Amino acid sequence: NMAEEFSALGLSPKERMTRRLEKMLSLQTPVFLPDEKICFMRTATNIPDIFTEAEWAEIKDKHYIHELGYMSNLSPDYESVIAEGLLKKHETADEYGQRAINAIINLADRYCTEAEKQGKTELAEVLKRVPRYGATSFYEALQFFRIIHFSLWLEGNYHITVGRFDQYMYPYLKADFEKGVLNEDSALELLEDFFLSFNKDSDLYP
């Protein structure tokens, strides 16, 4: 009972959210569906509340609460995160942001290790770079996006838009076309796999 524990400790909302995210990320088991190229799927699915019923009553007495009371209808700055990497963001993040970044990277590392064990060499190479560092290919950019989106949902946020996905993903696609790394068919296959993975958050867990 996370809410009762947090209440007894008198933790701030920021500390509660951070502890819950750290715990939820640590509970995930790396898993790959057959033939998928873009990974991350929730295995510990229930996200416990961080406030008790009494605390919610007090909050609602003083504030108008929209939907579940957590963050929703977001359009995060995916572009700079995917371009720079989480280690760069770690440099300017506050304590809570740094802890969240550390927990996200830890799960990505566990996925990388499991990918290597299962002989998924290409995916393992992608996960060695993202989300620590900025993406250098369309594949890396898509996988990076998936990790961030997964983490935002796992934090308890929802209704998270993709923003101008076409604009900030296009440079990676264009560069891979120019290098001959991808053609239209292989790029479409990656993109389709990404959206199948991406929609797990909204289709499976609620």
N, C-alpha and C. Protein backbone atom coordinates (compact mmCIF):
# COMPACT_ATOMS: atom_id res chain seq x y z
N ASN A 1 0.85 -1.19 0.00
CA ASN A 1 0.00 0.00 0.00
C ASN A 1 0.88 1.24 0.00
N MET A 2 1.21 1.70 -1.18
CA MET A 2 2.13 2.81 -1.34
C MET A 2 1.58 4.10 -0.72
N ALA A 3 0.30 4.37 -0.94
CA ALA A 3 -0.29 5.62 -0.45
C ALA A 3 -0.20 5.72 1.07
N GLU A 4 -0.52 4.64 1.76
CA GLU A 4 -0.46 4.64 3.23
C GLU A 4 0.97 4.82 3.70
N GLU A 5 1.90 4.15 3.04
CA GLU A 5 3.31 4.27 3.40
C GLU A 5 3.80 5.70 3.20
N PHE A 6 3.49 6.28 2.05
CA PHE A 6 3.94 7.64 1.75
C PHE A 6 3.31 8.66 2.70
N SER A 7 2.04 8.44 3.02
CA SER A 7 1.33 9.34 3.92
C SER A 7 1.96 9.30 5.31
N ALA A 8 2.27 8.10 5.79
CA ALA A 8 2.87 7.94 7.11
C ALA A 8 4.24 8.62 7.20
N LEU A 9 4.96 8.61 6.06
CA LEU A 9 6.28 9.25 6.01
C LEU A 9 6.20 10.75 5.78
N GLY A 10 5.01 11.24 5.43
CA GLY A 10 4.82 12.67 5.18
C GLY A 10 5.56 13.16 3.96
N LEU A 11 5.61 12.33 2.92
CA LEU A 11 6.38 12.68 1.72
C LEU A 11 5.66 13.71 0.86
N SER A 12 6.44 14.53 0.17
CA SER A 12 5.88 15.53 -0.75
C SER A 12 5.36 14.83 -2.00
N PRO A 13 4.45 15.49 -2.75
CA PRO A 13 3.97 14.89 -4.01
C PRO A 13 5.11 14.53 -4.97
N LYS A 14 6.11 15.39 -5.10
CA LYS A 14 7.24 15.10 -6.01
C LYS A 14 7.99 13.84 -5.58
N GLU A 15 8.22 13.73 -4.28
CA GLU A 15 8.93 12.56 -3.77
C GLU A 15 8.10 11.30 -3.98
N ARG A 16 6.80 11.40 -3.79
CA ARG A 16 5.91 10.25 -3.97
C ARG A 16 5.92 9.79 -5.43
N MET A 17 5.79 10.75 -6.34
CA MET A 17 5.78 10.40 -7.77
C MET A 17 7.10 9.76 -8.18
N THR A 18 8.20 10.31 -7.68
CA THR A 18 9.52 9.79 -8.05
C THR A 18 9.73 8.39 -7.50
N ARG A 19 9.37 8.19 -6.25
CA ARG A 19 9.54 6.86 -5.65
C ARG A 19 8.68 5.82 -6.37
N ARG A 20 7.46 6.22 -6.73
CA ARG A 20 6.60 5.26 -7.43
C ARG A 20 7.19 4.90 -8.78
N LEU A 21 7.67 5.91 -9.53
CA LEU A 21 8.26 5.63 -10.84
C LEU A 21 9.49 4.74 -10.70
N GLU A 22 10.35 5.05 -9.74
CA GLU A 22 11.54 4.22 -9.52
C GLU A 22 11.14 2.77 -9.23
N LYS A 23 10.12 2.61 -8.39
CA LYS A 23 9.67 1.26 -8.04
C LYS A 23 9.08 0.54 -9.23
N MET A 24 8.21 1.23 -9.99
CA MET A 24 7.56 0.61 -11.14
C MET A 24 8.58 0.21 -12.22
N LEU A 25 9.56 1.06 -12.46
CA LEU A 25 10.59 0.74 -13.45
C LEU A 25 11.43 -0.45 -12.99
N SER A 26 11.70 -0.52 -11.68
CA SER A 26 12.52 -1.63 -11.17
C SER A 26 11.78 -2.96 -11.24
N LEU A 27 10.45 -2.92 -11.24
CA LEU A 27 9.65 -4.14 -11.25
C LEU A 27 9.44 -4.74 -12.64
N GLN A 28 9.77 -3.97 -13.68
CA GLN A 28 9.53 -4.45 -15.04
C GLN A 28 10.51 -5.56 -15.43
N THR A 29 10.00 -6.54 -16.13
CA THR A 29 10.83 -7.64 -16.65
C THR A 29 10.99 -7.46 -18.15
N PRO A 30 12.22 -7.34 -18.66
CA PRO A 30 12.40 -7.20 -20.11
C PRO A 30 11.77 -8.36 -20.87
N VAL A 31 10.96 -8.04 -21.85
CA VAL A 31 10.27 -9.07 -22.63
C VAL A 31 10.20 -8.60 -24.09
N PHE A 32 10.33 -9.56 -25.00
CA PHE A 32 10.26 -9.25 -26.43
C PHE A 32 9.19 -10.13 -27.07
N LEU A 33 8.31 -9.53 -27.82
CA LEU A 33 7.35 -10.30 -28.59
C LEU A 33 8.06 -10.83 -29.84
N PRO A 34 7.56 -11.92 -30.42
CA PRO A 34 8.23 -12.50 -31.60
C PRO A 34 8.39 -11.48 -32.73
N ASP A 35 9.60 -11.36 -33.21
CA ASP A 35 9.93 -10.54 -34.39
C ASP A 35 9.80 -9.03 -34.19
N GLU A 36 9.48 -8.56 -32.97
CA GLU A 36 9.35 -7.11 -32.82
C GLU A 36 10.73 -6.45 -32.83
N LYS A 37 10.79 -5.27 -33.43
CA LYS A 37 12.04 -4.52 -33.52
C LYS A 37 12.09 -3.40 -32.49
N ILE A 38 10.92 -2.89 -32.10
CA ILE A 38 10.83 -1.83 -31.09
C ILE A 38 10.28 -2.45 -29.81
N CYS A 39 11.03 -2.33 -28.73
CA CYS A 39 10.63 -3.04 -27.51
C CYS A 39 10.18 -2.09 -26.40
N PHE A 40 9.86 -2.66 -25.29
CA PHE A 40 9.35 -2.10 -24.03
C PHE A 40 7.87 -2.40 -23.91
N MET A 41 7.57 -3.27 -22.95
CA MET A 41 6.19 -3.62 -22.65
C MET A 41 6.05 -3.78 -21.14
N ARG A 42 4.99 -3.24 -20.61
CA ARG A 42 4.80 -3.29 -19.16
C ARG A 42 4.49 -4.72 -18.71
N THR A 43 5.21 -5.19 -17.69
CA THR A 43 4.95 -6.52 -17.14
C THR A 43 4.36 -6.43 -15.74
N ALA A 44 4.72 -5.40 -14.99
CA ALA A 44 4.03 -5.08 -13.74
C ALA A 44 3.06 -3.96 -14.09
N THR A 45 1.77 -4.32 -14.19
CA THR A 45 0.84 -3.40 -14.85
C THR A 45 0.08 -2.47 -13.92
N ASN A 46 -0.13 -2.86 -12.68
CA ASN A 46 -0.94 -2.05 -11.78
C ASN A 46 -0.12 -0.91 -11.18
N ILE A 47 -0.56 0.32 -11.39
CA ILE A 47 0.13 1.48 -10.83
C ILE A 47 -0.65 1.94 -9.59
N PRO A 48 -0.10 1.75 -8.40
CA PRO A 48 -0.83 2.13 -7.18
C PRO A 48 -0.93 3.64 -7.01
N ASP A 49 -1.91 4.07 -6.28
CA ASP A 49 -2.09 5.50 -6.01
C ASP A 49 -1.01 5.97 -5.05
N ILE A 50 -0.73 7.27 -5.08
CA ILE A 50 0.27 7.81 -4.15
C ILE A 50 -0.38 8.61 -3.03
N PHE A 51 -1.70 8.84 -3.13
CA PHE A 51 -2.43 9.55 -2.08
C PHE A 51 -3.51 8.64 -1.50
N THR A 52 -3.75 8.75 -0.21
CA THR A 52 -4.82 8.00 0.43
C THR A 52 -6.16 8.65 0.10
N GLU A 53 -7.25 7.96 0.38
CA GLU A 53 -8.58 8.53 0.15
C GLU A 53 -8.77 9.81 0.95
N ALA A 54 -8.28 9.82 2.18
CA ALA A 54 -8.40 11.02 3.02
C ALA A 54 -7.61 12.19 2.43
N GLU A 55 -6.42 11.89 1.89
CA GLU A 55 -5.61 12.94 1.28
C GLU A 55 -6.27 13.48 0.01
N TRP A 56 -6.86 12.58 -0.79
CA TRP A 56 -7.57 13.03 -1.99
C TRP A 56 -8.75 13.92 -1.62
N ALA A 57 -9.45 13.57 -0.57
CA ALA A 57 -10.60 14.38 -0.13
C ALA A 57 -10.15 15.78 0.24
N GLU A 58 -9.01 15.86 0.92
CA GLU A 58 -8.47 17.17 1.31
C GLU A 58 -8.03 17.97 0.08
N ILE A 59 -7.39 17.28 -0.87
CA ILE A 59 -6.94 17.95 -2.10
C ILE A 59 -8.14 18.47 -2.89
N LYS A 60 -9.16 17.62 -3.02
CA LYS A 60 -10.34 17.99 -3.81
C LYS A 60 -11.17 19.08 -3.14
N ASP A 61 -11.01 19.22 -1.84
CA ASP A 61 -11.71 20.28 -1.12
C ASP A 61 -11.14 21.66 -1.46
N LYS A 62 -9.87 21.67 -1.88
CA LYS A 62 -9.19 22.95 -2.15
C LYS A 62 -8.94 23.21 -3.63
N HIS A 63 -9.05 22.15 -4.46
CA HIS A 63 -8.71 22.28 -5.88
C HIS A 63 -9.74 21.57 -6.75
N TYR A 64 -9.85 22.06 -7.98
CA TYR A 64 -10.63 21.31 -8.97
C TYR A 64 -9.71 20.24 -9.55
N ILE A 65 -10.14 19.00 -9.49
CA ILE A 65 -9.32 17.89 -9.97
C ILE A 65 -9.85 17.38 -11.31
N HIS A 66 -9.00 17.40 -12.30
CA HIS A 66 -9.35 16.94 -13.64
C HIS A 66 -9.07 15.45 -13.75
N GLU A 67 -10.05 14.68 -14.17
CA GLU A 67 -9.91 13.23 -14.39
C GLU A 67 -9.29 12.56 -13.17
N LEU A 68 -8.15 11.88 -13.33
CA LEU A 68 -7.57 11.13 -12.21
C LEU A 68 -6.76 12.01 -11.25
N GLY A 69 -6.52 13.25 -11.65
CA GLY A 69 -5.78 14.13 -10.77
C GLY A 69 -4.29 14.18 -11.04
N TYR A 70 -3.84 13.36 -11.98
CA TYR A 70 -2.42 13.38 -12.35
C TYR A 70 -2.27 14.12 -13.68
N MET A 71 -1.03 14.17 -14.18
CA MET A 71 -0.77 14.91 -15.41
C MET A 71 -1.37 14.19 -16.62
N SER A 72 -2.02 14.95 -17.48
CA SER A 72 -2.57 14.39 -18.70
C SER A 72 -2.59 15.47 -19.78
N ASN A 73 -2.93 15.04 -21.01
CA ASN A 73 -2.99 15.97 -22.14
C ASN A 73 -1.66 16.71 -22.32
N LEU A 74 -0.59 15.92 -22.38
CA LEU A 74 0.76 16.48 -22.49
C LEU A 74 1.29 16.38 -23.92
N SER A 75 2.14 17.33 -24.27
CA SER A 75 2.91 17.22 -25.51
C SER A 75 4.37 17.51 -25.16
N PRO A 76 5.08 16.48 -24.70
CA PRO A 76 6.46 16.67 -24.22
C PRO A 76 7.42 17.09 -25.33
N ASP A 77 8.57 17.60 -24.93
CA ASP A 77 9.62 18.00 -25.88
C ASP A 77 10.45 16.77 -26.24
N TYR A 78 9.87 15.92 -27.06
CA TYR A 78 10.59 14.72 -27.50
C TYR A 78 11.82 15.08 -28.32
N GLU A 79 11.71 16.13 -29.12
CA GLU A 79 12.75 16.46 -30.10
C GLU A 79 14.12 16.63 -29.44
N SER A 80 14.20 17.47 -28.41
CA SER A 80 15.50 17.73 -27.80
C SER A 80 16.01 16.53 -27.00
N VAL A 81 15.09 15.80 -26.38
CA VAL A 81 15.51 14.62 -25.60
C VAL A 81 16.11 13.56 -26.52
N ILE A 82 15.43 13.29 -27.63
CA ILE A 82 15.92 12.29 -28.57
C ILE A 82 17.24 12.73 -29.21
N ALA A 83 17.38 14.02 -29.45
CA ALA A 83 18.61 14.53 -30.08
C ALA A 83 19.80 14.54 -29.11
N GLU A 84 19.53 14.86 -27.83
CA GLU A 84 20.63 15.05 -26.88
C GLU A 84 20.91 13.82 -26.01
N GLY A 85 19.90 13.02 -25.70
CA GLY A 85 20.06 11.87 -24.81
C GLY A 85 19.79 12.23 -23.36
N LEU A 86 19.49 11.23 -22.56
CA LEU A 86 19.11 11.46 -21.17
C LEU A 86 20.30 11.89 -20.29
N LEU A 87 21.50 11.46 -20.63
CA LEU A 87 22.64 11.88 -19.81
C LEU A 87 22.85 13.39 -19.91
N LYS A 88 22.61 13.96 -21.07
CA LYS A 88 22.71 15.40 -21.24
C LYS A 88 21.64 16.11 -20.43
N LYS A 89 20.41 15.58 -20.43
CA LYS A 89 19.32 16.16 -19.65
C LYS A 89 19.58 16.01 -18.15
N HIS A 90 20.30 14.95 -17.78
CA HIS A 90 20.63 14.70 -16.37
C HIS A 90 21.44 15.85 -15.78
N GLU A 91 22.26 16.49 -16.63
CA GLU A 91 23.14 17.56 -16.16
C GLU A 91 22.38 18.75 -15.61
N THR A 92 21.19 19.02 -16.16
CA THR A 92 20.43 20.21 -15.74
C THR A 92 19.14 19.87 -15.00
N ALA A 93 18.87 18.58 -14.81
CA ALA A 93 17.64 18.16 -14.13
C ALA A 93 17.77 18.37 -12.62
N ASP A 94 16.62 18.53 -11.95
CA ASP A 94 16.65 18.58 -10.49
C ASP A 94 16.83 17.18 -9.94
N GLU A 95 16.83 17.05 -8.63
CA GLU A 95 17.07 15.75 -7.98
C GLU A 95 16.07 14.70 -8.46
N TYR A 96 14.81 15.11 -8.60
CA TYR A 96 13.77 14.15 -8.98
C TYR A 96 13.93 13.72 -10.43
N GLY A 97 14.27 14.67 -11.28
CA GLY A 97 14.50 14.35 -12.68
C GLY A 97 15.69 13.42 -12.85
N GLN A 98 16.74 13.67 -12.09
CA GLN A 98 17.93 12.83 -12.17
C GLN A 98 17.63 11.40 -11.73
N ARG A 99 16.84 11.27 -10.67
CA ARG A 99 16.48 9.93 -10.20
C ARG A 99 15.62 9.20 -11.23
N ALA A 100 14.70 9.93 -11.86
CA ALA A 100 13.86 9.32 -12.90
C ALA A 100 14.72 8.87 -14.08
N ILE A 101 15.65 9.71 -14.50
CA ILE A 101 16.53 9.37 -15.61
C ILE A 101 17.37 8.14 -15.28
N ASN A 102 17.90 8.09 -14.08
CA ASN A 102 18.70 6.93 -13.67
C ASN A 102 17.89 5.64 -13.73
N ALA A 103 16.64 5.72 -13.29
CA ALA A 103 15.78 4.52 -13.27
C ALA A 103 15.41 4.09 -14.69
N ILE A 104 15.19 5.04 -15.58
CA ILE A 104 14.86 4.72 -16.97
C ILE A 104 16.06 4.06 -17.66
N ILE A 105 17.24 4.62 -17.46
CA ILE A 105 18.45 4.07 -18.05
C ILE A 105 18.70 2.66 -17.53
N ASN A 106 18.45 2.45 -16.25
CA ASN A 106 18.65 1.13 -15.65
C ASN A 106 17.78 0.07 -16.33
N LEU A 107 16.51 0.42 -16.59
CA LEU A 107 15.63 -0.54 -17.27
C LEU A 107 16.09 -0.77 -18.70
N ALA A 108 16.51 0.29 -19.38
CA ALA A 108 17.01 0.15 -20.76
C ALA A 108 18.23 -0.77 -20.79
N ASP A 109 19.08 -0.65 -19.79
CA ASP A 109 20.27 -1.53 -19.71
C ASP A 109 19.85 -2.99 -19.53
N ARG A 110 18.81 -3.22 -18.73
CA ARG A 110 18.35 -4.60 -18.53
C ARG A 110 17.74 -5.15 -19.81
N TYR A 111 17.06 -4.30 -20.57
CA TYR A 111 16.55 -4.72 -21.88
C TYR A 111 17.70 -5.05 -22.83
N CYS A 112 18.74 -4.23 -22.79
CA CYS A 112 19.90 -4.45 -23.65
C CYS A 112 20.56 -5.79 -23.34
N THR A 113 20.73 -6.06 -22.06
CA THR A 113 21.35 -7.33 -21.63
C THR A 113 20.52 -8.52 -22.09
N GLU A 114 19.20 -8.41 -21.94
CA GLU A 114 18.32 -9.50 -22.34
C GLU A 114 18.30 -9.68 -23.86
N ALA A 115 18.37 -8.57 -24.60
CA ALA A 115 18.43 -8.64 -26.06
C ALA A 115 19.69 -9.38 -26.50
N GLU A 116 20.81 -9.09 -25.84
CA GLU A 116 22.06 -9.78 -26.16
C GLU A 116 21.94 -11.27 -25.86
N LYS A 117 21.33 -11.61 -24.73
CA LYS A 117 21.14 -13.02 -24.36
C LYS A 117 20.32 -13.78 -25.40
N GLN A 118 19.31 -13.09 -25.96
CA GLN A 118 18.41 -13.72 -26.92
C GLN A 118 18.92 -13.62 -28.36
N GLY A 119 20.11 -13.07 -28.54
CA GLY A 119 20.68 -12.97 -29.88
C GLY A 119 20.07 -11.89 -30.74
N LYS A 120 19.41 -10.90 -30.10
CA LYS A 120 18.83 -9.78 -30.85
C LYS A 120 19.89 -8.69 -30.95
N THR A 121 20.89 -8.96 -31.78
CA THR A 121 22.09 -8.12 -31.84
C THR A 121 21.79 -6.69 -32.27
N GLU A 122 20.98 -6.53 -33.30
CA GLU A 122 20.69 -5.18 -33.81
C GLU A 122 19.98 -4.34 -32.75
N LEU A 123 19.00 -4.93 -32.10
CA LEU A 123 18.28 -4.21 -31.05
C LEU A 123 19.19 -3.90 -29.87
N ALA A 124 20.05 -4.83 -29.50
CA ALA A 124 21.00 -4.60 -28.41
C ALA A 124 21.92 -3.42 -28.71
N GLU A 125 22.37 -3.32 -29.97
CA GLU A 125 23.24 -2.20 -30.36
C GLU A 125 22.51 -0.87 -30.24
N VAL A 126 21.23 -0.87 -30.61
CA VAL A 126 20.42 0.35 -30.47
C VAL A 126 20.32 0.75 -29.00
N LEU A 127 20.07 -0.24 -28.13
CA LEU A 127 19.88 0.04 -26.70
C LEU A 127 21.19 0.37 -25.99
N LYS A 128 22.31 0.12 -26.62
CA LYS A 128 23.59 0.54 -26.05
C LYS A 128 23.75 2.06 -26.18
N ARG A 129 23.05 2.62 -27.17
CA ARG A 129 23.16 4.06 -27.38
C ARG A 129 22.00 4.83 -26.74
N VAL A 130 20.78 4.41 -27.04
CA VAL A 130 19.62 5.13 -26.49
C VAL A 130 19.03 4.33 -25.32
N PRO A 131 18.58 5.04 -24.29
CA PRO A 131 18.36 6.49 -24.20
C PRO A 131 19.50 7.30 -23.59
N ARG A 132 20.66 6.67 -23.35
CA ARG A 132 21.78 7.42 -22.75
C ARG A 132 22.18 8.62 -23.61
N TYR A 133 22.36 8.36 -24.90
CA TYR A 133 22.88 9.36 -25.81
C TYR A 133 21.85 9.68 -26.90
N GLY A 134 22.10 10.74 -27.62
CA GLY A 134 21.20 11.14 -28.69
C GLY A 134 21.15 10.12 -29.82
N ALA A 135 20.02 10.02 -30.45
CA ALA A 135 19.83 9.06 -31.55
C ALA A 135 20.65 9.48 -32.77
N THR A 136 21.15 8.47 -33.48
CA THR A 136 21.93 8.75 -34.70
C THR A 136 21.29 8.10 -35.93
N SER A 137 20.14 7.45 -35.74
CA SER A 137 19.45 6.79 -36.85
C SER A 137 17.95 6.81 -36.59
N PHE A 138 17.19 6.50 -37.62
CA PHE A 138 15.73 6.44 -37.50
C PHE A 138 15.34 5.34 -36.51
N TYR A 139 16.00 4.20 -36.57
CA TYR A 139 15.72 3.10 -35.65
C TYR A 139 15.96 3.55 -34.20
N GLU A 140 17.11 4.19 -33.95
CA GLU A 140 17.41 4.66 -32.60
C GLU A 140 16.41 5.70 -32.13
N ALA A 141 16.02 6.59 -33.03
CA ALA A 141 15.06 7.64 -32.65
C ALA A 141 13.70 7.05 -32.28
N LEU A 142 13.25 6.07 -33.04
CA LEU A 142 11.96 5.42 -32.74
C LEU A 142 12.03 4.68 -31.40
N GLN A 143 13.12 3.95 -31.17
CA GLN A 143 13.25 3.21 -29.91
C GLN A 143 13.36 4.18 -28.73
N PHE A 144 14.06 5.27 -28.91
CA PHE A 144 14.18 6.30 -27.87
C PHE A 144 12.80 6.85 -27.52
N PHE A 145 12.05 7.20 -28.54
CA PHE A 145 10.70 7.72 -28.32
C PHE A 145 9.87 6.72 -27.53
N ARG A 146 9.97 5.45 -27.91
CA ARG A 146 9.20 4.40 -27.24
C ARG A 146 9.54 4.34 -25.75
N ILE A 147 10.80 4.44 -25.42
CA ILE A 147 11.23 4.38 -24.02
C ILE A 147 10.68 5.55 -23.22
N ILE A 148 10.74 6.75 -23.80
CA ILE A 148 10.24 7.93 -23.10
C ILE A 148 8.73 7.86 -22.92
N HIS A 149 8.02 7.49 -23.97
CA HIS A 149 6.56 7.40 -23.91
C HIS A 149 6.14 6.34 -22.88
N PHE A 150 6.81 5.19 -22.91
CA PHE A 150 6.56 4.11 -21.95
C PHE A 150 6.72 4.63 -20.52
N SER A 151 7.79 5.38 -20.29
CA SER A 151 8.10 5.87 -18.94
C SER A 151 7.09 6.90 -18.47
N LEU A 152 6.64 7.76 -19.37
CA LEU A 152 5.63 8.76 -19.00
C LEU A 152 4.33 8.09 -18.58
N TRP A 153 3.92 7.07 -19.32
CA TRP A 153 2.71 6.33 -18.95
C TRP A 153 2.91 5.60 -17.63
N LEU A 154 4.08 5.02 -17.44
CA LEU A 154 4.35 4.28 -16.22
C LEU A 154 4.40 5.20 -15.01
N GLU A 155 4.71 6.46 -15.24
CA GLU A 155 4.72 7.45 -14.16
C GLU A 155 3.30 7.80 -13.71
N GLY A 156 2.32 7.37 -14.50
CA GLY A 156 0.94 7.66 -14.15
C GLY A 156 0.31 8.75 -15.00
N ASN A 157 1.08 9.23 -16.00
CA ASN A 157 0.54 10.22 -16.93
C ASN A 157 -0.21 9.51 -18.05
N TYR A 158 -1.03 10.24 -18.78
CA TYR A 158 -1.79 9.65 -19.87
C TYR A 158 -2.25 10.76 -20.81
N HIS A 159 -2.92 10.38 -21.88
CA HIS A 159 -3.28 11.35 -22.93
C HIS A 159 -2.04 12.12 -23.37
N ILE A 160 -0.98 11.37 -23.69
CA ILE A 160 0.28 11.98 -24.06
C ILE A 160 0.39 11.97 -25.58
N THR A 161 0.42 13.14 -26.19
CA THR A 161 0.45 13.23 -27.64
C THR A 161 1.86 13.01 -28.18
N VAL A 162 1.94 12.82 -29.48
CA VAL A 162 3.26 12.68 -30.12
C VAL A 162 3.77 14.01 -30.66
N GLY A 163 2.96 15.06 -30.58
CA GLY A 163 3.40 16.35 -31.12
C GLY A 163 3.63 16.27 -32.62
N ARG A 164 4.59 17.05 -33.13
CA ARG A 164 4.89 17.03 -34.56
C ARG A 164 5.90 15.93 -34.87
N PHE A 165 5.42 14.71 -34.71
CA PHE A 165 6.24 13.51 -34.95
C PHE A 165 6.91 13.55 -36.30
N ASP A 166 6.17 14.01 -37.31
CA ASP A 166 6.71 14.06 -38.68
C ASP A 166 7.92 14.97 -38.78
N GLN A 167 7.88 16.09 -38.06
CA GLN A 167 8.96 17.07 -38.17
C GLN A 167 10.23 16.65 -37.44
N TYR A 168 10.09 16.15 -36.21
CA TYR A 168 11.32 15.85 -35.48
C TYR A 168 11.89 14.46 -35.80
N MET A 169 11.10 13.60 -36.43
CA MET A 169 11.63 12.29 -36.84
C MET A 169 12.20 12.31 -38.26
N TYR A 170 11.75 13.26 -39.06
CA TYR A 170 12.15 13.28 -40.47
C TYR A 170 13.67 13.37 -40.68
N PRO A 171 14.41 14.20 -39.92
CA PRO A 171 15.85 14.26 -40.17
C PRO A 171 16.56 12.91 -40.04
N TYR A 172 16.12 12.08 -39.11
CA TYR A 172 16.72 10.75 -38.94
C TYR A 172 16.38 9.85 -40.13
N LEU A 173 15.14 9.94 -40.59
CA LEU A 173 14.70 9.15 -41.74
C LEU A 173 15.45 9.58 -43.00
N LYS A 174 15.53 10.90 -43.21
CA LYS A 174 16.20 11.45 -44.39
C LYS A 174 17.67 11.03 -44.42
N ALA A 175 18.34 11.12 -43.26
CA ALA A 175 19.76 10.76 -43.20
C ALA A 175 19.97 9.28 -43.52
N ASP A 176 19.07 8.42 -43.03
CA ASP A 176 19.20 6.99 -43.30
C ASP A 176 18.93 6.67 -44.76
N PHE A 177 18.01 7.41 -45.38
CA PHE A 177 17.77 7.23 -46.82
C PHE A 177 19.02 7.61 -47.60
N GLU A 178 19.62 8.75 -47.23
CA GLU A 178 20.79 9.25 -47.96
C GLU A 178 21.99 8.33 -47.80
N LYS A 179 22.11 7.69 -46.63
CA LYS A 179 23.22 6.77 -46.39
C LYS A 179 22.96 5.39 -46.99
N GLY A 180 21.72 5.14 -47.40
CA GLY A 180 21.37 3.83 -47.93
C GLY A 180 21.13 2.79 -46.84
N VAL A 181 20.96 3.26 -45.60
CA VAL A 181 20.70 2.36 -44.46
C VAL A 181 19.28 1.81 -44.55
N LEU A 182 18.35 2.66 -44.99
CA LEU A 182 16.94 2.27 -45.12
C LEU A 182 16.43 2.62 -46.51
N ASN A 183 15.41 1.89 -46.93
CA ASN A 183 14.62 2.29 -48.10
C ASN A 183 13.18 2.45 -47.61
N GLU A 184 12.26 2.75 -48.50
CA GLU A 184 10.89 3.01 -48.06
C GLU A 184 10.26 1.79 -47.38
N ASP A 185 10.55 0.61 -47.90
CA ASP A 185 9.96 -0.60 -47.32
C ASP A 185 10.51 -0.89 -45.93
N SER A 186 11.81 -0.81 -45.75
CA SER A 186 12.39 -1.11 -44.44
C SER A 186 12.04 -0.03 -43.41
N ALA A 187 11.93 1.22 -43.88
CA ALA A 187 11.54 2.30 -42.97
C ALA A 187 10.09 2.13 -42.53
N LEU A 188 9.23 1.74 -43.46
CA LEU A 188 7.82 1.52 -43.13
C LEU A 188 7.67 0.37 -42.14
N GLU A 189 8.47 -0.67 -42.33
CA GLU A 189 8.41 -1.81 -41.40
C GLU A 189 8.77 -1.37 -39.98
N LEU A 190 9.81 -0.54 -39.84
CA LEU A 190 10.18 -0.02 -38.53
C LEU A 190 9.08 0.85 -37.95
N LEU A 191 8.51 1.70 -38.79
CA LEU A 191 7.47 2.63 -38.33
C LEU A 191 6.22 1.88 -37.87
N GLU A 192 5.84 0.85 -38.61
CA GLU A 192 4.69 0.03 -38.23
C GLU A 192 4.95 -0.67 -36.90
N ASP A 193 6.15 -1.19 -36.74
CA ASP A 193 6.50 -1.87 -35.50
C ASP A 193 6.48 -0.89 -34.33
N PHE A 194 6.95 0.33 -34.59
CA PHE A 194 6.94 1.36 -33.55
C PHE A 194 5.52 1.63 -33.08
N PHE A 195 4.59 1.83 -34.02
CA PHE A 195 3.23 2.18 -33.61
C PHE A 195 2.51 1.02 -32.93
N LEU A 196 2.84 -0.21 -33.29
CA LEU A 196 2.29 -1.35 -32.56
C LEU A 196 2.77 -1.31 -31.11
N SER A 197 4.05 -1.04 -30.92
CA SER A 197 4.62 -0.97 -29.57
C SER A 197 4.07 0.25 -28.82
N PHE A 198 4.03 1.36 -29.50
CA PHE A 198 3.57 2.64 -28.92
C PHE A 198 2.14 2.52 -28.38
N ASN A 199 1.27 1.82 -29.11
CA ASN A 199 -0.14 1.73 -28.71
C ASN A 199 -0.41 0.73 -27.60
N LYS A 200 0.62 -0.03 -27.19
CA LYS A 200 0.43 -0.91 -26.04
C LYS A 200 0.01 -0.10 -24.81
N ASP A 201 0.59 1.08 -24.67
CA ASP A 201 0.32 1.88 -23.47
C ASP A 201 -1.15 2.26 -23.33
N SER A 202 -1.76 2.67 -24.45
CA SER A 202 -3.15 3.08 -24.36
C SER A 202 -4.13 1.93 -24.55
N ASP A 203 -3.71 0.87 -25.25
CA ASP A 203 -4.64 -0.22 -25.57
C ASP A 203 -4.66 -1.34 -24.54
N LEU A 204 -3.52 -1.65 -23.93
CA LEU A 204 -3.44 -2.81 -23.04
C LEU A 204 -3.72 -2.49 -21.58
N TYR A 205 -3.07 -1.48 -21.05
CA TYR A 205 -3.06 -1.32 -19.60
C TYR A 205 -4.35 -0.75 -19.02
N PRO A 206 -4.95 0.32 -19.60
CA PRO A 206 -6.20 0.80 -19.03
C PRO A 206 -7.30 -0.25 -19.11
